[in-house]
Amino acid sequence: MIANDNDLDFQLFELDADSQFAKTRVDQVETDAPQFLDLMGVWFDAPDNFPREFSMFREYSSVPGRCRGAVVAIGKFDGVHLGHQALIDAAAEKADELEAPLGVLTFEPHPRAVFEPDSQPFLLSTPEARARTMAELGVDVLLAQSFDREFASLEPEDFVRSVLIEGMKVQHVVVGHDFRFGRKRAGDPDLLRKMGAENGFGVTVVAAVSVDGDLAGSTRLRTLIASGRPRAAARILGGCWEIEGTLEQLADPNGAELPGVSLASYQMPAPGWYTVTLARAGSDKANWHTLRGQVGSTDAFVSLLDLPETDFVKLLGKPVRVAFVDYLGNRWDADPSETD
């Protein structure tokens, strides 16, 4: 099938076991239509003979046979901090034992954005950054399930039957000790264990992870970022907190033009000066620049200083990553103010 949308031509390919890259045009859609991979990189009812690689889906009903039967870690995974990584590590260990794919089930948009649409921005990472981190951690299958009030209204038992059993055909599920799911958050690990025993899948519940005497969780991370403590945040994340966005040209109060990146959807960092690093997003070998960054008290941007003109021109309008390394307080030439 060939289609044209705004001058973008694309084709859908049917692959079979005889010829992995054989191309077949399909003139019409049949009831038992063949299974395809869309060329934008998203698996869509892919056949079992597709090569194994990182695959991402938005609906549990679209997970193909080759990606079912996984060991699945479930959570919101905003920031993919050490607590989240403990879930994925436990799932990976079980996946190796069962010789099964390693899967992650998360929700997009974040449930808080659905139930509190007027709340202040709070995200720690973008869906794109989360997917990249999942791939780096060795995840085979990421289901970023579309989340809305209708999905949230599923009874806990229906969530298990529809999503986990029928949609993903899970072999094993890994959740945190405080995991809640389903309508009014009525489902818990005990219900998962009960339904797992009845339906043939196992359940692992992972204990809380502590860092510096505090729970390694997204709530703690947001508090640290808002209070100008990027080093403490990095210890919970296992690396510097990063944002992603388009490098823009901003005007400062004196009329000078500076590069900057929007913080619009993110947890707002403490106002002041930072040591930051900048790199092009999506690059296999990121070339990081160490810069000064300034976060204002009103504008949701981080302004960047010291970026060479040639790199500014090269990166302007491109997606970039900005990592917050140290907080300098109100003076750009001050020593880092974070002492712990």
Protein backbone atom coordinates (compact mmCIF):
# COMPACT_ATOMS: atom_id res chain seq x y z
CA MET A 1 0.00 0.00 0.00
CA ILE A 2 1.40 3.41 -1.01
CA ALA A 3 0.08 6.55 0.62
CA ASN A 4 0.81 10.25 0.37
CA ASP A 5 0.32 12.72 3.19
CA ASN A 6 1.79 16.21 2.83
CA ASP A 7 4.19 14.96 0.17
CA LEU A 8 5.46 12.16 2.44
CA ASP A 9 5.44 8.85 0.57
CA PHE A 10 5.53 5.64 2.52
CA GLN A 11 4.92 1.99 1.90
CA LEU A 12 3.95 -0.88 4.13
CA PHE A 13 5.98 -4.05 3.77
CA GLU A 14 4.93 -7.62 4.39
CA LEU A 15 7.73 -9.85 5.57
CA ASP A 16 7.71 -13.61 5.84
CA ALA A 17 10.13 -16.29 6.91
CA ASP A 18 11.42 -16.85 3.38
CA SER A 19 12.53 -13.31 2.69
CA GLN A 20 13.10 -11.00 5.61
CA PHE A 21 13.26 -7.91 3.43
CA ALA A 22 10.86 -8.93 0.64
CA LYS A 23 8.52 -6.09 -0.28
CA THR A 24 4.91 -6.74 -1.19
CA ARG A 25 2.39 -4.11 -2.17
CA VAL A 26 -1.05 -4.67 -0.76
CA ASP A 27 -3.88 -3.32 -2.87
CA GLN A 28 -6.69 -3.74 -0.41
CA VAL A 29 -7.30 -4.45 3.24
CA GLU A 30 -8.74 -7.89 3.94
CA THR A 31 -10.38 -9.21 7.06
CA ASP A 32 -7.37 -11.39 7.80
CA ALA A 33 -4.92 -8.74 6.58
CA PRO A 34 -1.20 -9.53 6.81
CA GLN A 35 0.86 -8.08 9.61
CA PHE A 36 3.05 -5.03 9.05
CA LEU A 37 5.80 -2.88 10.49
CA ASP A 38 5.19 0.80 9.93
CA LEU A 39 8.26 2.58 8.62
CA MET A 40 8.19 5.29 11.28
CA GLY A 41 9.64 2.66 13.61
CA VAL A 42 6.55 1.48 15.47
CA TRP A 43 5.56 -2.18 15.46
CA PHE A 44 2.01 -2.72 14.29
CA ASP A 45 0.74 -6.33 14.48
CA ALA A 46 4.20 -7.58 13.49
CA PRO A 47 4.56 -11.27 12.67
CA ASP A 48 6.45 -13.68 14.87
CA ASN A 49 9.39 -13.93 12.45
CA PHE A 50 10.52 -10.33 12.91
CA PRO A 51 14.05 -9.90 14.28
CA ARG A 52 14.29 -9.10 17.97
CA GLU A 53 14.91 -5.46 18.80
CA PHE A 54 13.56 -2.68 21.02
CA SER A 55 9.86 -2.26 20.23
CA MET A 56 7.43 0.34 21.56
CA PHE A 57 3.62 0.37 21.53
CA ARG A 58 0.86 2.72 22.67
CA GLU A 59 -2.04 0.25 23.06
CA TYR A 60 -2.11 -3.11 24.79
CA SER A 61 -4.33 -4.45 21.99
CA SER A 62 -1.56 -3.84 19.41
CA VAL A 63 1.21 -5.88 21.08
CA PRO A 64 2.15 -8.55 18.51
CA GLY A 65 2.73 -12.21 19.18
CA ARG A 66 6.51 -11.91 19.10
CA CYS A 67 6.41 -9.41 21.96
CA ARG A 68 3.98 -11.27 24.18
CA GLY A 69 4.94 -13.64 26.94
CA ALA A 70 7.34 -11.14 28.47
CA VAL A 71 8.40 -10.55 32.04
CA VAL A 72 6.93 -7.09 32.61
CA ALA A 73 7.88 -4.36 35.09
CA ILE A 74 4.98 -1.96 35.71
CA GLY A 75 5.13 1.66 36.88
CA LYS A 76 5.04 5.31 35.81
CA PHE A 77 8.85 5.44 35.39
CA ASP A 78 9.07 9.24 35.36
CA GLY A 79 12.81 9.90 35.48
CA VAL A 80 13.74 6.18 35.52
CA HIS A 81 15.52 6.58 38.86
CA LEU A 82 17.24 3.88 40.94
CA GLY A 83 13.91 2.70 42.36
CA HIS A 84 12.61 2.17 38.83
CA GLN A 85 15.87 0.55 37.78
CA ALA A 86 15.51 -1.94 40.64
CA LEU A 87 12.18 -3.05 39.12
CA ILE A 88 13.75 -3.44 35.69
CA ASP A 89 16.76 -5.31 37.12
CA ALA A 90 14.45 -7.75 38.91
CA ALA A 91 12.42 -8.22 35.73
CA ALA A 92 15.59 -8.73 33.67
CA GLU A 93 16.80 -11.43 36.06
CA LYS A 94 13.46 -13.24 35.79
CA ALA A 95 13.38 -12.82 32.00
CA ASP A 96 16.79 -14.48 31.75
CA GLU A 97 15.57 -17.33 33.94
CA LEU A 98 12.45 -17.87 31.81
CA GLU A 99 14.19 -17.07 28.50
CA ALA A 100 11.47 -14.48 27.90
CA PRO A 101 11.48 -10.93 26.52
CA LEU A 102 12.03 -8.12 29.01
CA GLY A 103 9.05 -5.76 29.01
CA VAL A 104 7.99 -2.53 30.68
CA LEU A 105 4.43 -1.25 31.02
CA THR A 106 4.04 2.45 31.72
CA PHE A 107 1.42 5.10 31.02
CA GLU A 108 1.34 8.13 28.75
CA PRO A 109 0.42 10.82 29.57
CA HIS A 110 1.41 10.61 33.22
CA PRO A 111 -1.75 9.85 35.27
CA ARG A 112 -1.24 12.99 37.34
CA ALA A 113 -1.58 15.10 34.18
CA VAL A 114 -4.96 13.45 33.52
CA PHE A 115 -6.38 13.87 37.02
CA GLU A 116 -4.74 17.24 37.80
CA PRO A 117 -4.64 19.02 34.42
CA ASP A 118 -4.21 22.45 36.03
CA SER A 119 -1.27 21.49 38.24
CA GLN A 120 2.16 23.05 37.83
CA PRO A 121 4.52 21.25 35.44
CA PHE A 122 6.12 18.29 37.21
CA LEU A 123 7.67 15.91 34.70
CA LEU A 124 11.21 14.64 35.21
CA SER A 125 11.64 13.24 31.69
CA THR A 126 10.01 13.21 28.28
CA PRO A 127 8.48 10.06 26.78
CA GLU A 128 11.28 10.08 24.21
CA ALA A 129 14.00 10.22 26.87
CA ARG A 130 12.26 7.49 28.86
CA ALA A 131 12.11 5.24 25.80
CA ARG A 132 15.80 5.83 25.09
CA THR A 133 16.72 4.95 28.67
CA MET A 134 14.61 1.79 28.51
CA ALA A 135 16.43 0.70 25.37
CA GLU A 136 19.79 1.41 27.04
CA LEU A 137 18.74 -0.75 30.01
CA GLY A 138 18.08 -3.69 27.69
CA VAL A 139 14.29 -3.56 27.58
CA ASP A 140 12.86 -5.46 24.60
CA VAL A 141 9.23 -4.31 24.74
CA LEU A 142 7.93 -0.96 26.01
CA LEU A 143 4.17 -0.49 26.23
CA ALA A 144 3.55 3.21 26.93
CA GLN A 145 -0.17 2.65 27.34
CA SER A 146 -2.41 5.57 26.36
CA PHE A 147 -3.90 6.81 29.61
CA ASP A 148 -7.18 8.69 30.00
CA ARG A 149 -10.12 8.68 32.38
CA GLU A 150 -11.79 5.83 30.51
CA PHE A 151 -8.72 3.62 30.88
CA ALA A 152 -8.38 4.68 34.52
CA SER A 153 -11.97 3.52 35.15
CA LEU A 154 -11.07 -0.12 34.47
CA GLU A 155 -11.74 -2.27 37.50
CA PRO A 156 -8.50 -3.81 38.81
CA GLU A 157 -9.58 -7.31 37.74
CA ASP A 158 -10.40 -6.03 34.23
CA PHE A 159 -7.00 -4.35 34.01
CA VAL A 160 -5.30 -7.64 34.78
CA ARG A 161 -7.46 -9.66 32.39
CA SER A 162 -7.50 -7.19 29.47
CA VAL A 163 -4.01 -5.68 29.63
CA LEU A 164 -1.77 -8.25 31.28
CA ILE A 165 -3.37 -11.57 30.32
CA GLU A 166 -5.11 -10.96 26.97
CA GLY A 167 -3.05 -8.04 25.66
CA MET A 168 0.50 -8.87 26.80
CA LYS A 169 0.13 -12.55 27.81
CA VAL A 170 2.62 -11.91 30.59
CA GLN A 171 4.67 -14.75 32.06
CA HIS A 172 5.67 -12.75 35.11
CA VAL A 173 5.01 -9.27 36.53
CA VAL A 174 7.31 -7.11 38.66
CA VAL A 175 5.92 -4.18 40.69
CA GLY A 176 6.93 -1.94 43.57
CA HIS A 177 5.72 -2.47 47.11
CA ASP A 178 3.35 0.51 46.85
CA PHE A 179 1.97 -0.27 43.38
CA ARG A 180 -1.72 0.52 42.94
CA PHE A 181 -3.85 0.13 39.83
CA GLY A 182 -7.36 0.15 38.47
CA ARG A 183 -10.41 2.22 39.35
CA LYS A 184 -9.88 4.27 42.50
CA ARG A 185 -6.43 2.63 42.81
CA ALA A 186 -8.19 -0.38 44.33
CA GLY A 187 -5.76 -2.97 42.95
CA ASP A 188 -2.59 -3.86 44.85
CA PRO A 189 0.20 -6.48 44.81
CA ASP A 190 -1.95 -8.95 46.79
CA LEU A 191 -4.62 -8.91 44.07
CA LEU A 192 -1.92 -9.38 41.43
CA ARG A 193 -0.58 -12.42 43.30
CA LYS A 194 -4.08 -13.90 43.60
CA MET A 195 -4.91 -13.41 39.92
CA GLY A 196 -1.45 -14.57 38.90
CA ALA A 197 -1.93 -17.83 40.77
CA GLU A 198 -5.30 -18.31 39.08
CA ASN A 199 -4.08 -17.42 35.58
CA GLY A 200 -0.58 -18.82 35.40
CA PHE A 201 1.72 -15.82 35.76
CA GLY A 202 4.15 -15.04 38.55
CA VAL A 203 4.51 -11.84 40.57
CA THR A 204 7.57 -10.26 42.17
CA VAL A 205 7.18 -7.32 44.56
CA VAL A 206 10.31 -5.18 44.92
CA ALA A 207 11.04 -3.39 48.19
CA ALA A 208 11.65 0.36 48.37
CA VAL A 209 15.12 1.66 47.50
CA SER A 210 16.71 4.26 49.77
CA VAL A 211 19.44 6.75 48.90
CA ASP A 212 20.97 9.08 51.51
CA GLY A 213 18.37 7.82 53.99
CA ASP A 214 15.44 8.88 51.80
CA LEU A 215 13.15 6.95 49.50
CA ALA A 216 14.46 6.90 45.92
CA GLY A 217 11.26 8.13 44.37
CA SER A 218 9.97 10.71 41.90
CA THR A 219 8.44 12.87 44.65
CA ARG A 220 11.80 13.15 46.41
CA LEU A 221 13.48 13.95 43.10
CA ARG A 222 11.10 16.82 42.39
CA THR A 223 11.78 18.26 45.84
CA LEU A 224 15.55 18.12 45.30
CA ILE A 225 15.35 19.72 41.85
CA ALA A 226 13.08 22.50 43.08
CA SER A 227 15.47 23.26 45.95
CA GLY A 228 18.65 23.50 43.86
CA ARG A 229 20.23 20.16 44.75
CA PRO A 230 21.17 18.54 41.43
CA ARG A 231 23.96 16.46 42.96
CA ALA A 232 21.60 14.80 45.44
CA ALA A 233 19.12 14.27 42.58
CA ALA A 234 21.88 12.61 40.54
CA ARG A 235 22.48 10.09 43.32
CA ILE A 236 18.83 9.00 43.11
CA LEU A 237 18.84 8.97 39.31
CA GLY A 238 22.18 7.25 38.90
CA GLY A 239 23.28 10.19 36.73
CA CYS A 240 22.62 13.89 36.21
CA TRP A 241 19.06 15.07 35.77
CA GLU A 242 18.48 15.97 32.13
CA ILE A 243 15.91 17.84 30.12
CA GLU A 244 15.34 17.63 26.38
CA GLY A 245 14.04 20.28 24.04
CA THR A 246 14.71 22.42 21.01
CA LEU A 247 17.62 24.86 21.25
CA GLU A 248 16.06 28.30 20.81
CA GLN A 249 17.37 31.85 20.53
CA LEU A 250 16.26 33.92 23.50
CA ALA A 251 16.53 37.62 24.29
CA ASP A 252 17.75 38.61 27.75
CA PRO A 253 16.52 41.80 29.54
CA ASN A 254 19.42 43.76 28.02
CA GLY A 255 18.47 42.76 24.50
CA ALA A 256 21.31 40.29 24.00
CA GLU A 257 20.51 37.02 22.29
CA LEU A 258 21.26 33.77 24.11
CA PRO A 259 20.61 30.11 23.37
CA GLY A 260 18.11 28.44 25.65
CA VAL A 261 15.81 25.46 26.13
CA SER A 262 12.23 25.46 27.38
CA LEU A 263 11.38 24.02 30.79
CA ALA A 264 7.65 24.29 30.10
CA SER A 265 6.64 20.69 30.82
CA TYR A 266 9.28 19.96 33.47
CA GLN A 267 9.57 20.24 37.19
CA MET A 268 10.90 23.79 37.61
CA PRO A 269 14.46 23.88 38.98
CA ALA A 270 15.43 26.42 41.65
CA PRO A 271 16.11 29.85 40.11
CA GLY A 272 19.78 30.72 39.79
CA TRP A 273 22.98 29.71 38.04
CA TYR A 274 24.05 26.16 37.23
CA THR A 275 26.91 24.29 35.73
CA VAL A 276 25.27 22.33 32.90
CA THR A 277 26.33 20.17 29.98
CA LEU A 278 24.73 20.30 26.53
CA ALA A 279 24.64 17.74 23.70
CA ARG A 280 22.64 17.04 20.56
CA ALA A 281 19.75 14.68 21.33
CA GLY A 282 19.48 11.47 19.37
CA SER A 283 23.21 11.23 18.70
CA ASP A 284 24.89 7.87 19.25
CA LYS A 285 28.09 9.61 20.37
CA ALA A 286 27.04 12.75 22.21
CA ASN A 287 29.57 15.59 22.20
CA TRP A 288 28.97 17.31 25.53
CA HIS A 289 29.73 21.03 26.10
CA THR A 290 30.20 22.29 29.66
CA LEU A 291 28.36 25.63 30.01
CA ARG A 292 26.84 28.02 32.47
CA GLY A 293 23.06 27.85 32.66
CA GLN A 294 20.63 30.31 34.23
CA VAL A 295 17.09 29.57 35.34
CA GLY A 296 14.93 32.64 35.92
CA SER A 297 12.26 33.01 38.55
CA THR A 298 9.48 33.66 36.03
CA ASP A 299 10.40 32.44 32.54
CA ALA A 300 10.31 28.66 32.06
CA PHE A 301 13.64 28.49 30.22
CA VAL A 302 17.21 27.64 30.98
CA SER A 303 19.50 30.17 29.25
CA LEU A 304 22.90 28.87 28.17
CA LEU A 305 26.16 30.82 28.18
CA ASP A 306 29.60 29.99 26.75
CA LEU A 307 28.36 27.92 23.80
CA PRO A 308 30.76 28.57 20.89
CA GLU A 309 29.15 30.46 18.01
CA THR A 310 29.86 27.68 15.52
CA ASP A 311 28.12 25.12 17.74
CA PHE A 312 25.24 27.54 18.42
CA VAL A 313 24.59 27.88 14.69
CA LYS A 314 24.90 24.12 14.21
CA LEU A 315 22.49 23.26 17.06
CA LEU A 316 19.95 26.10 16.74
CA GLY A 317 16.51 24.64 16.12
CA LYS A 318 17.73 21.11 16.83
CA PRO A 319 16.72 18.79 19.71
CA VAL A 320 19.27 18.91 22.54
CA ARG A 321 19.88 17.44 25.98
CA VAL A 322 20.80 19.64 28.96
CA ALA A 323 22.16 17.98 32.11
CA PHE A 324 22.16 19.88 35.42
CA VAL A 325 25.49 19.21 37.17
CA ASP A 326 25.97 21.80 39.95
CA TYR A 327 23.96 24.62 41.49
CA LEU A 328 25.89 27.90 41.85
CA GLY A 329 23.19 30.01 43.48
CA ASN A 330 22.75 33.67 42.54
CA ARG A 331 26.27 34.22 41.12
CA TRP A 332 27.53 32.58 37.95
CA ASP A 333 31.12 32.68 39.22
CA ALA A 334 30.34 31.20 42.65
CA ASP A 335 31.49 27.83 43.90
CA PRO A 336 28.85 25.08 43.89
CA SER A 337 26.51 25.74 46.82
CA GLU A 338 25.52 22.14 47.31
CA THR A 339 27.78 20.60 49.93
CA ASP A 340 26.21 17.15 50.44
